[in-house]
Structure formats: structure tokens, C-alpha cells
Protein backbone atom coordinates (compact mmCIF):
# COMPACT_ATOMS: atom_id res chain seq x y z
CA MET A 1 69.59 -107.70 5.55
CA ILE A 2 71.65 -110.92 5.34
CA LEU A 3 70.86 -114.50 4.34
CA THR A 4 71.58 -117.35 6.72
CA ALA A 5 70.65 -121.00 7.17
CA ILE A 6 67.36 -121.55 8.99
CA THR A 7 69.13 -123.95 11.33
CA SER A 8 71.42 -121.16 12.51
CA VAL A 9 68.47 -119.30 14.07
CA PHE A 10 67.31 -120.40 17.52
CA ILE A 11 64.35 -119.25 19.64
CA PRO A 12 65.00 -118.40 23.31
CA GLU A 13 62.52 -120.28 25.48
CA ASN A 14 61.32 -117.26 27.45
CA ARG A 15 60.33 -115.42 24.26
CA GLN A 16 58.40 -118.12 22.46
CA ARG A 17 54.82 -117.53 21.44
CA LYS A 18 52.30 -119.87 23.04
CA GLU A 19 49.57 -119.63 20.40
CA PHE A 20 49.78 -120.23 16.66
CA PRO A 21 46.23 -120.34 15.20
CA PRO A 22 46.41 -122.67 12.15
CA ALA A 23 44.20 -120.39 10.03
CA LYS A 24 46.43 -117.38 10.67
CA MET A 25 49.56 -119.41 9.95
CA LYS A 26 48.05 -120.60 6.66
CA GLU A 27 47.18 -117.01 5.72
CA LEU A 28 50.79 -115.95 6.37
CA GLU A 29 52.10 -118.86 4.31
CA GLN A 30 49.89 -117.94 1.35
CA SER A 31 50.91 -114.29 1.66
CA ILE A 32 54.62 -115.13 1.57
CA LEU A 33 54.15 -117.43 -1.43
CA SER A 34 51.97 -114.94 -3.31
CA PHE A 35 53.56 -111.60 -2.46
CA GLY A 36 56.93 -112.52 -1.02
CA LEU A 37 58.36 -111.95 2.45
CA LEU A 38 57.78 -108.26 3.22
CA HIS A 39 59.87 -108.00 6.40
CA PRO A 40 62.78 -110.28 7.41
CA ILE A 41 62.83 -111.76 10.89
CA VAL A 42 64.85 -109.80 13.44
CA CYS A 43 67.77 -111.48 15.20
CA ARG A 44 70.55 -110.76 17.66
CA LYS A 45 74.01 -112.17 16.88
CA HIS A 46 74.68 -114.84 19.54
CA ASP A 47 77.98 -116.53 18.75
CA GLU A 48 79.89 -117.63 15.68
CA GLY A 49 77.35 -118.48 13.00
CA ARG A 50 74.32 -118.49 15.34
CA TYR A 51 71.50 -115.96 15.73
CA GLU A 52 68.94 -115.49 18.52
CA LEU A 53 65.43 -114.63 17.32
CA VAL A 54 64.05 -111.32 18.56
CA ALA A 55 60.96 -110.86 16.38
CA GLY A 56 59.23 -112.90 13.71
CA GLU A 57 58.59 -116.32 15.22
CA ARG A 58 55.49 -116.86 13.05
CA ARG A 59 57.51 -116.01 9.93
CA LEU A 60 60.32 -118.32 11.03
CA LYS A 61 57.94 -121.24 11.54
CA VAL A 62 56.22 -120.69 8.18
CA ILE A 63 59.54 -120.39 6.30
CA THR A 64 60.80 -123.55 8.04
CA LYS A 65 57.68 -125.38 6.83
CA LEU A 66 58.21 -124.06 3.29
CA ALA A 67 61.82 -125.31 3.40
CA GLU A 68 60.66 -128.78 4.48
CA GLU A 69 58.29 -128.78 1.50
CA LYS A 70 61.06 -127.53 -0.86
CA MET A 71 59.07 -124.37 -1.63
CA VAL A 72 60.76 -121.25 -3.01
CA PHE A 73 59.64 -117.71 -2.09
CA TYR A 74 60.84 -114.18 -2.83
CA HIS A 75 62.06 -111.28 -0.75
CA ASP A 76 62.83 -107.84 -2.15
CA GLY A 77 62.80 -109.28 -5.69
CA MET A 78 65.30 -111.99 -4.79
CA GLU A 79 64.59 -115.74 -4.89
CA VAL A 80 65.10 -117.44 -1.52
CA ILE A 81 65.90 -121.14 -1.84
CA PRO A 82 64.73 -123.78 0.69
CA GLY A 83 66.78 -123.88 3.89
CA VAL A 84 67.78 -120.20 3.78
CA ILE A 85 66.10 -117.25 5.52
CA PRO A 86 66.58 -113.45 5.30
CA ILE A 87 67.30 -111.80 8.66
CA THR A 88 67.84 -108.27 9.95
CA LEU A 89 70.23 -107.77 12.83
CA LEU A 90 68.97 -105.95 15.88
CA ALA A 91 71.86 -103.50 15.70
CA ASP A 92 70.72 -102.32 12.27
CA LEU A 93 67.22 -101.26 13.37
CA SER A 94 66.07 -97.71 14.05
CA PRO A 95 64.76 -96.98 17.57
CA LEU A 96 61.17 -97.27 16.33
CA GLU A 97 61.81 -100.55 14.51
CA LEU A 98 63.58 -101.89 17.60
CA GLU A 99 60.66 -101.06 19.90
CA GLU A 100 58.18 -102.56 17.45
CA ALA A 101 60.25 -105.69 17.10
CA GLN A 102 60.46 -106.17 20.85
CA LEU A 103 56.73 -105.50 21.26
CA ASP A 104 55.86 -107.93 18.48
CA GLU A 105 57.55 -110.82 20.28
CA ASN A 106 57.48 -109.84 23.95
CA ILE A 107 53.81 -108.90 24.14
CA ARG A 108 52.79 -112.57 24.14
CA ARG A 109 55.26 -113.76 26.77
CA LEU A 110 53.46 -115.38 29.67
CA ASP A 111 55.90 -113.83 32.16
CA LEU A 112 55.37 -110.29 30.90
CA THR A 113 53.91 -108.12 33.68
CA TRP A 114 51.09 -105.69 32.97
CA GLN A 115 53.50 -102.86 33.83
CA GLU A 116 55.98 -104.05 31.17
CA ARG A 117 53.23 -104.54 28.60
CA ALA A 118 51.69 -101.12 29.30
CA ALA A 119 55.10 -99.45 29.13
CA ALA A 120 55.84 -101.15 25.80
CA ILE A 121 52.49 -100.12 24.31
CA ASN A 122 52.92 -96.53 25.54
CA LYS A 123 56.46 -96.38 24.14
CA ILE A 124 55.27 -97.64 20.75
CA ALA A 125 52.64 -94.88 20.62
CA GLU A 126 55.24 -92.23 21.52
CA LEU A 127 57.69 -93.43 18.89
CA ARG A 128 54.99 -93.74 16.25
CA ARG A 129 54.10 -90.09 16.72
CA ALA A 130 57.70 -88.91 17.02
CA ASN A 131 58.79 -90.74 13.85
CA ALA A 132 55.82 -89.86 11.64
CA SER A 133 56.54 -89.76 7.91
CA VAL A 134 56.27 -86.47 6.03
CA GLY A 135 53.38 -86.09 3.58
CA ASP A 136 53.31 -84.39 0.19
CA ASP A 137 52.40 -81.10 1.88
CA GLY A 138 55.59 -81.20 3.93
CA LYS A 139 53.73 -81.85 7.19
CA PRO A 140 54.21 -85.00 9.33
CA GLU A 141 51.47 -87.60 8.90
CA VAL A 142 51.12 -88.33 12.60
CA PRO A 143 49.01 -91.44 13.29
CA ASN A 144 45.96 -91.13 15.54
CA LYS A 145 45.06 -93.49 18.38
CA GLN A 146 42.87 -95.66 16.17
CA GLN A 147 45.68 -96.23 13.66
CA ILE A 148 48.17 -97.03 16.42
CA ALA A 149 45.63 -99.38 18.03
CA GLU A 150 45.15 -101.22 14.73
CA GLU A 151 48.91 -101.77 14.46
CA ILE A 152 49.08 -103.03 18.04
CA ALA A 153 46.11 -105.32 17.40
CA GLU A 154 47.91 -106.83 14.42
CA SER A 155 51.06 -107.45 16.48
CA THR A 156 49.28 -108.82 19.53
CA GLY A 157 46.45 -110.79 17.95
CA THR A 158 43.69 -108.76 19.66
CA THR A 159 40.85 -106.76 18.15
CA PRO A 160 41.35 -103.05 17.28
CA GLU A 161 38.66 -102.17 19.85
CA ALA A 162 40.46 -104.05 22.64
CA ALA A 163 43.83 -102.63 21.57
CA ARG A 164 42.44 -99.06 21.59
CA ALA A 165 41.03 -99.49 25.10
CA GLU A 166 44.35 -100.93 26.30
CA LEU A 167 46.28 -98.10 24.61
CA MET A 168 44.10 -95.44 26.24
CA ARG A 169 44.50 -97.06 29.67
CA ALA A 170 48.25 -97.50 29.18
CA GLU A 171 48.77 -93.86 28.21
CA PHE A 172 46.67 -92.62 31.14
CA VAL A 173 48.32 -94.92 33.70
CA SER A 174 51.83 -94.09 32.47
CA LYS A 175 51.37 -90.56 33.87
CA HIS A 176 50.66 -91.99 37.33
CA MET A 177 53.27 -94.77 37.64
CA ASN A 178 55.18 -92.80 40.27
CA ASP A 179 52.22 -93.46 42.59
CA PRO A 180 53.08 -96.65 44.56
CA LYS A 181 49.43 -97.76 44.66
CA VAL A 182 49.13 -97.51 40.88
CA ALA A 183 52.42 -99.31 40.28
CA ALA A 184 51.43 -102.11 42.71
CA ALA A 185 48.06 -102.79 41.05
CA ARG A 186 47.34 -106.36 39.94
CA SER A 187 46.30 -105.39 36.41
CA LEU A 188 46.22 -102.44 34.03
CA LYS A 189 42.46 -102.17 34.55
CA GLU A 190 42.92 -101.94 38.32
CA ALA A 191 45.75 -99.42 37.90
CA TYR A 192 43.53 -97.29 35.68
CA SER A 193 40.79 -97.37 38.32
CA ILE A 194 43.22 -96.37 41.10
CA ALA A 195 44.73 -93.55 39.01
CA SER A 196 41.27 -92.24 38.21
CA ARG A 197 40.29 -92.25 41.89
CA GLN A 198 43.50 -90.38 42.74
CA THR A 199 42.55 -87.76 40.16
CA GLU A 200 39.10 -87.49 41.71
CA ALA A 201 40.68 -87.02 45.14
CA LEU A 202 42.75 -84.13 43.80
CA PHE A 203 39.63 -82.38 42.56
CA ALA A 204 37.98 -83.01 45.93
CA GLU A 205 40.89 -81.27 47.66
CA GLN A 206 40.49 -78.30 45.33
CA LEU A 207 36.80 -78.16 46.14
CA HIS A 208 37.51 -78.31 49.87
CA ALA A 209 39.90 -75.39 49.43
CA GLY A 210 36.92 -73.20 48.66
CA ALA A 211 36.61 -73.19 44.86
CA GLU A 212 33.20 -72.40 43.39
CA PHE A 213 31.19 -75.62 43.11
CA SER A 214 28.35 -76.68 40.88
CA GLU A 215 26.75 -80.12 41.10
CA HIS A 216 27.87 -81.71 37.86
CA THR A 217 28.82 -85.30 37.01
CA ILE A 218 31.13 -86.74 34.36
CA LEU A 219 31.11 -90.41 33.31
CA ILE A 220 34.36 -91.62 31.75
CA GLY A 221 33.74 -94.16 29.00
CA SER A 222 31.65 -94.92 25.94
CA VAL A 223 28.38 -93.14 25.25
CA PHE A 224 26.93 -96.52 24.22
CA ASP A 225 27.62 -97.92 27.68
CA HIS A 226 26.76 -95.02 29.94
CA ILE A 227 23.77 -93.27 28.39
CA LYS A 228 21.64 -96.36 29.04
CA GLY A 229 22.44 -96.23 32.74
CA LEU A 230 20.99 -92.75 33.30
CA THR A 231 17.57 -92.14 34.82
CA PRO A 232 14.68 -92.03 32.30
CA GLY A 233 12.61 -88.85 32.31
CA SER A 234 15.24 -86.81 34.17
CA ILE A 235 16.73 -84.51 31.49
CA ASP A 236 15.42 -81.14 30.35
CA CYS A 237 17.83 -80.57 27.47
CA ILE A 238 20.54 -82.41 25.54
CA MET A 239 23.42 -80.31 24.20
CA THR A 240 26.11 -82.28 22.37
CA ASP A 241 28.91 -82.09 19.83
CA PRO A 242 29.47 -85.71 18.68
CA PRO A 243 31.91 -86.87 15.96
CA TYR A 244 30.95 -85.42 12.57
CA GLY A 245 31.91 -88.44 10.44
CA MET A 246 34.19 -86.33 8.27
CA GLY A 247 37.49 -88.12 8.97
CA ALA A 248 38.82 -85.40 11.30
CA ASP A 249 41.06 -87.99 12.98
CA SER A 250 43.08 -88.26 9.74
CA PHE A 251 43.52 -84.52 8.99
CA GLY A 252 47.31 -84.57 8.61
CA ASP A 253 49.18 -83.23 11.62
CA ALA A 254 45.89 -82.19 13.26
CA GLY A 255 44.47 -85.70 13.12
CA PRO A 256 46.07 -87.09 16.30
CA GLN A 257 44.40 -84.35 18.33
CA HIS A 258 41.06 -85.95 17.48
CA GLN A 259 41.26 -88.87 19.91
CA TYR A 260 38.16 -90.60 18.56
CA LEU A 261 37.11 -92.56 15.50
CA ASP A 262 35.55 -90.09 13.04
CA THR A 263 34.19 -92.40 10.36
CA ALA A 264 30.70 -91.80 8.98
CA GLU A 265 29.52 -95.14 10.38
CA ASN A 266 30.72 -94.38 13.91
CA ALA A 267 29.36 -90.82 13.84
CA LEU A 268 25.89 -91.90 12.69
CA ALA A 269 25.81 -94.73 15.25
CA ILE A 270 26.65 -92.30 18.08
CA ALA A 271 24.08 -89.74 16.88
CA ALA A 272 21.38 -92.41 16.61
CA CYS A 273 22.17 -93.67 20.11
CA ILE A 274 21.96 -90.16 21.55
CA MET A 275 18.65 -89.44 19.83
CA GLU A 276 17.02 -92.77 20.70
CA GLU A 277 18.28 -93.19 24.27
CA GLY A 278 18.09 -89.45 24.86
CA TYR A 279 14.40 -89.37 23.98
CA ALA A 280 13.70 -91.79 26.83
CA LEU A 281 16.01 -89.91 29.20
CA CYS A 282 14.30 -86.57 28.55
CA LYS A 283 11.22 -85.32 30.31
CA ASP A 284 7.94 -85.06 28.37
CA GLN A 285 8.94 -81.51 27.41
CA ALA A 286 12.58 -81.18 26.34
CA HIS A 287 15.01 -79.71 23.79
CA LEU A 288 17.92 -81.19 21.81
CA TYR A 289 20.89 -79.38 20.22
CA MET A 290 23.34 -81.46 18.17
CA PHE A 291 26.30 -80.02 16.24
CA CYS A 292 26.75 -81.83 12.92
CA ASP A 293 28.37 -81.80 9.50
CA PRO A 294 26.32 -80.37 6.58
CA ASP A 295 26.59 -83.68 4.70
CA PHE A 296 24.61 -85.46 7.44
CA PHE A 297 22.14 -82.78 8.48
CA VAL A 298 19.20 -84.09 6.41
CA THR A 299 19.95 -87.70 7.40
CA LEU A 300 20.06 -86.77 11.09
CA ARG A 301 16.91 -84.66 10.82
CA LYS A 302 14.97 -87.59 9.32
CA LEU A 303 16.38 -89.96 11.93
CA CYS A 304 15.49 -87.53 14.69
CA LYS A 305 11.89 -87.27 13.48
CA GLY A 306 11.59 -91.04 13.19
CA LEU A 307 12.60 -91.43 16.84
CA GLY A 308 9.84 -89.15 18.11
CA TRP A 309 11.50 -85.73 18.19
CA THR A 310 10.19 -82.73 16.26
CA PRO A 311 13.23 -81.35 14.40
CA TRP A 312 13.54 -77.76 13.19
CA ARG A 313 13.49 -77.92 9.38
CA THR A 314 16.67 -75.94 8.83
CA PRO A 315 19.92 -75.89 10.84
CA LEU A 316 20.88 -73.29 13.37
CA ILE A 317 24.09 -71.62 12.22
CA TRP A 318 26.96 -70.59 14.47
CA ASP A 319 28.78 -67.81 12.59
CA LYS A 320 32.37 -67.82 13.87
CA GLY A 321 33.28 -64.60 12.08
CA GLY A 322 35.23 -64.25 8.85
CA ALA A 323 38.65 -64.45 10.48
CA SER A 324 38.05 -67.84 12.07
CA GLY A 325 37.40 -71.28 10.69
CA HIS A 326 38.81 -74.18 8.72
CA ASN A 327 40.36 -73.91 5.26
CA PRO A 328 39.72 -77.44 3.87
CA ILE A 329 41.21 -76.84 0.40
CA PRO A 330 43.98 -74.24 0.71
CA SER A 331 44.35 -73.78 -3.05
CA GLN A 332 40.73 -72.62 -3.28
CA SER A 333 41.21 -69.90 -0.66
CA ILE A 334 37.82 -70.33 1.00
CA ARG A 335 37.53 -70.46 4.77
CA ARG A 336 34.61 -72.30 6.34
CA SER A 337 33.60 -70.08 9.25
CA TYR A 338 30.32 -71.57 10.46
CA GLU A 339 28.91 -74.71 12.09
CA PHE A 340 25.57 -76.51 11.66
CA ILE A 341 23.42 -77.30 14.70
CA LEU A 342 20.44 -79.66 14.53
CA TYR A 343 17.69 -78.41 16.87
CA ALA A 344 14.68 -80.52 17.93
CA TYR A 345 12.13 -80.63 20.71
CA LYS A 346 10.10 -83.26 22.52
CA GLY A 347 6.49 -82.56 23.38
CA ASP A 348 5.88 -78.85 22.95
CA ARG A 349 8.48 -77.26 25.23
CA PRO A 350 8.55 -73.57 24.28
CA GLY A 351 11.60 -71.40 23.89
CA ILE A 352 12.11 -69.01 26.83
CA THR A 353 13.65 -66.19 24.79
CA PHE A 354 13.68 -65.26 21.10
CA MET A 355 16.83 -66.16 19.17
CA SER A 356 17.84 -65.86 15.51
CA ASP A 357 18.79 -69.06 13.71
CA VAL A 358 22.16 -67.43 12.92
CA ILE A 359 24.23 -66.98 16.09
CA ARG A 360 26.85 -64.25 15.85
CA GLY A 361 29.25 -62.52 18.18
CA ILE A 362 30.80 -65.61 19.80
CA ALA A 363 34.35 -66.41 18.72
CA PRO A 364 35.92 -69.87 18.72
CA VAL A 365 38.04 -70.93 21.69
CA ALA A 366 41.59 -69.58 21.59
CA ASN A 367 44.30 -72.15 22.45
CA ALA A 368 41.68 -74.88 22.71
CA SER A 369 42.49 -78.06 24.66
CA HIS A 370 40.32 -80.10 22.27
CA PRO A 371 40.39 -79.73 18.46
CA ALA A 372 36.59 -79.54 18.28
CA GLU A 373 36.07 -77.53 21.47
CA LYS A 374 33.11 -75.13 21.42
CA PRO A 375 32.99 -71.97 23.56
CA ALA A 376 31.01 -72.24 26.78
CA GLU A 377 29.36 -68.91 25.88
CA LEU A 378 27.81 -70.54 22.81
CA TYR A 379 26.40 -73.38 24.88
CA ALA A 380 25.10 -70.89 27.44
CA ARG A 381 23.34 -68.80 24.79
CA LEU A 382 21.58 -71.83 23.33
CA LEU A 383 20.67 -73.25 26.73
CA SER A 384 19.36 -69.91 27.96
CA ARG A 385 16.43 -70.15 25.52
CA SER A 386 15.62 -73.73 26.55
CA VAL A 387 16.10 -74.22 30.30
CA ARG A 388 15.83 -72.45 33.65
CA ALA A 389 17.97 -72.51 36.78
CA GLY A 390 17.89 -75.92 38.44
CA ASP A 391 17.11 -77.86 35.25
CA ALA A 392 19.12 -80.96 34.27
CA ILE A 393 21.13 -81.09 31.05
CA LEU A 394 23.14 -83.83 29.35
CA ASP A 395 26.13 -83.81 27.00
CA PRO A 396 26.89 -87.40 25.86
CA CYS A 397 30.13 -86.29 24.10
CA CYS A 398 31.38 -83.61 26.47
CA GLY A 399 35.05 -83.42 25.40
CA VAL A 400 36.88 -80.99 27.68
CA GLY A 401 33.64 -79.81 29.25
CA PRO A 402 32.25 -76.49 27.97
CA ILE A 403 28.86 -77.88 29.06
CA PHE A 404 29.96 -77.69 32.71
CA GLU A 405 31.09 -74.10 32.48
CA ALA A 406 27.85 -73.12 30.72
CA ALA A 407 25.82 -75.01 33.33
CA THR A 408 27.61 -73.20 36.15
CA MET A 409 26.85 -69.85 34.50
CA LEU A 410 23.14 -70.69 34.30
CA LYS A 411 22.91 -72.65 37.62
CA LEU A 412 22.03 -75.92 35.89
CA LYS A 413 22.87 -79.53 36.79
CA ALA A 414 25.00 -81.07 34.03
CA THR A 415 25.94 -84.66 33.26
CA GLY A 416 28.65 -85.36 30.70
CA ILE A 417 30.04 -88.52 29.10
CA GLU A 418 33.56 -88.57 27.65
CA LEU A 419 35.49 -91.49 26.15
CA ASP A 420 39.02 -90.10 26.43
CA PRO A 421 40.40 -90.05 30.02
CA ASP A 422 42.71 -87.10 29.31
CA PHE A 423 39.89 -84.92 27.98
CA ALA A 424 37.66 -86.09 30.83
CA ARG A 425 40.28 -85.00 33.35
CA ILE A 426 40.32 -81.51 31.83
CA ALA A 427 36.52 -81.44 31.83
CA SER A 428 36.44 -82.54 35.45
CA ALA A 429 38.46 -79.52 36.52
CA ARG A 430 36.20 -77.08 34.71
CA ARG A 431 34.48 -75.11 37.47
CA PHE A 432 35.31 -78.16 39.60
CA PRO A 433 32.43 -80.52 38.78
CA LYS A 434 31.83 -83.67 40.81
CA VAL A 435 33.56 -86.67 39.18
CA THR A 436 31.98 -90.09 38.79
CA ASP A 437 34.61 -92.38 37.27
CA VAL A 438 33.30 -95.57 35.68
CA ASP A 439 35.95 -98.25 35.17
CA SER A 440 34.99 -99.08 31.61
CA LEU A 441 36.12 -97.80 28.24
């Protein structure tokens, strides 16, 4: 970090921001006056005594205003007098800091193509994961998609929701940029749609080659969007493993594998949507199986009953076996080797076969593609007591698609909804289900 005169810093015209909301600028000014300047602006040395701004135009404008008003502020415990500004030279930044600096300024350029913006966002995500800090346990604290999206939102002035959708599209499209049609798209959204259709075409070729086929459908996008578009009274059974609300997306180095927001609020909202919308989607006689965390079982059971279902009073238990499971507090040496399942029924649909409420003999998935993946055999065992060949089943949070494999085993028609395009692509290849790609995240 060096100190230089504010007048020695110039802003290249093609990198200038076009929007400076007064409220946000005032917030930044108050923050600098109250807490000091946290990060210097980033510059490139231009010629003798002059510096070209790379990142930090908002900070530069606020500090210029403070200088005009003869206001003093602090940086790193040092008083900065009016007319002077701390800067960091581009050459002194790490690769991650350099990418972030360029994204911070370039992302708002009017001449930035969607390809350049998507590449920058994808690169930031890669560097964020590759340069994760090490936690107290010695393991890297790799950020998940939600955390990366929040950082991008802060840099770009968008909402975390919009930034997450853009990040997911950018990461998916980046794997297909060697396709001329994808690269020539007019927008990231259009490129995502083209890449998805190309993926569907690949599966169609595999089907044509003679692979076993079962009539299944997967919708790529949010459960909130797509469950309402399904046909009322068409489903015989709902089998689903939604987010638990236990913060799985922040479990140290395992967190990034959970490509969904696992807050309690989001988990309960998804569960409520599935129960309420699912009740209308189901036939007059139907069953519901929902994996859940023990902390929320009673809450979900009450909610389920309030929405018209008849819930089983106690949970079904999937016993994974003593050698498998999660060890949440290593120092206590206790392994959690079971899962809760909320079971409910609509009308008075009977069970076809007898089953104990403790399910044993089915091991977790080895080398799972999804951190919360359940074995297809478990789904098949549960479904076998609830539905018959030809019945329609729904999984609103299908992940990598064990529902499709189970449905193929039992000759059922399955519909799945999955938010993450990468997981949906894996699910789509599972026993080669039919793909219905919806261009919405």
C-alpha cells in the first residue's frame, strides 16, 4: 500500500461505472468515516507520478468528496489527511485479488459482453474455492455457491438471488463454450437454454442407441416455480429429500458440495410448498414420504396435518448400519447412522405390503455424486408398499435422481424437479429418463 495525491489517480473512460445510487454512496461515506477505509483502491502505474484506476471507483469518489470537505479518515490505524488516498498497485495483488478487482470494476461496463461477464463470474468462483482459507481444524473453509453469490451481488449491485442464478448459469454454460451455437448466443440466458437442449439431444442419442427407457421427466429449476405447473390430481405418491435446514452448505470442506441454501427458513418454506401444492397434485388416495432432520420432525408433522394430510405419529427410521453415518462432533465419538422420514397419507390409501418403521439392510451410496444422495433401493422399498406398476410419483427435490432408478425398477412414471443444472444432468442420465428443460432458475 502507498499514499498518493487524489489528483494523481485518473479513471479510464471505458471502465467508469454508470450508476452511483446516492443512498449507497452515503452509506459508504459513513462507513469510511466511522470504521476507516478497509481496502485501498487498486491502481495500475501509468506514467511518472500518475496511476490508472482498476478497482474502487466508488471509494475514489467518496474520498474525493471527503477531501473537498476537509474531512479526515483512517486506514489501517493511520490518519489520512485531505487530498491523499491509499492505493494498492495491481502488481502487488494475488491472483484471486486481481480477479476480484477486475470483476468489481469491469462487471458494470456497458461494453462488457455476456461471455466476458460469465467468464469473469466463473473464474471468481473457481479462485474462491481454490484459495479457501484454512479453518481451526486444519481443513479449507471452501465457500458454497450462496456465499460466492452474495460476494458477487455486493460487487455488482444485484440481489443475492439474482447473483446465484447468474452464477449457476455461468458455471453450466462455461462447460459448453466450445459449442459455436452456445458461444454465439445473444445472452447468458439464451446460452443456458441452448446448452441444456444440447444436453437433452445427447440423452436422446443414447436412447436411440437402444438403452433401456422409462417414461420419466425432470424439470430444471426451483420447486416453487415448477410444482405449481403440474397437473392437479395426477400423482399417486410423493417421495422427496428436501433441504434439512441444518446448515449443511456450511459444513467445512463438505459444504460446497451442498449446492443449495440449507437455512431453517428455506428448508421449512420448501417443505411447506411441497406439502401444500403436493396435496392438490395428488389423487384422492395418495402417500407422502419426506426425509427430514429430527429438529423439525414435529413441526413438519403439525404442518402436514394442518394442510389436510394424515401424518404417521412417529418417524420412519432408515438405519444405515453402525459403520456408516455422520460424526457431527468428533470429540464425542458418536456416529449418527440413521435418517428420519416423515410419512403421511391422503384419503385412506392403504399400504400394499407390511413394513417395519425401522428400515434396515440398505447401505448408503458409495462414492455418491450428491452429498445427500439416498440409495435407489431405499426409495424402491418405500414405494413398493405405496404404489403399483404404472402409477405416477413425484420428487420435488430429486438431486441426482435416485427416484428415476427406483421408478424404473418398479415400472412407475416419475417426475423430478432439481434446482442445480449439474445435478439435474446426472439425474437425467439415470436409466435415461426423458428430459424437459425449463429455462428458469
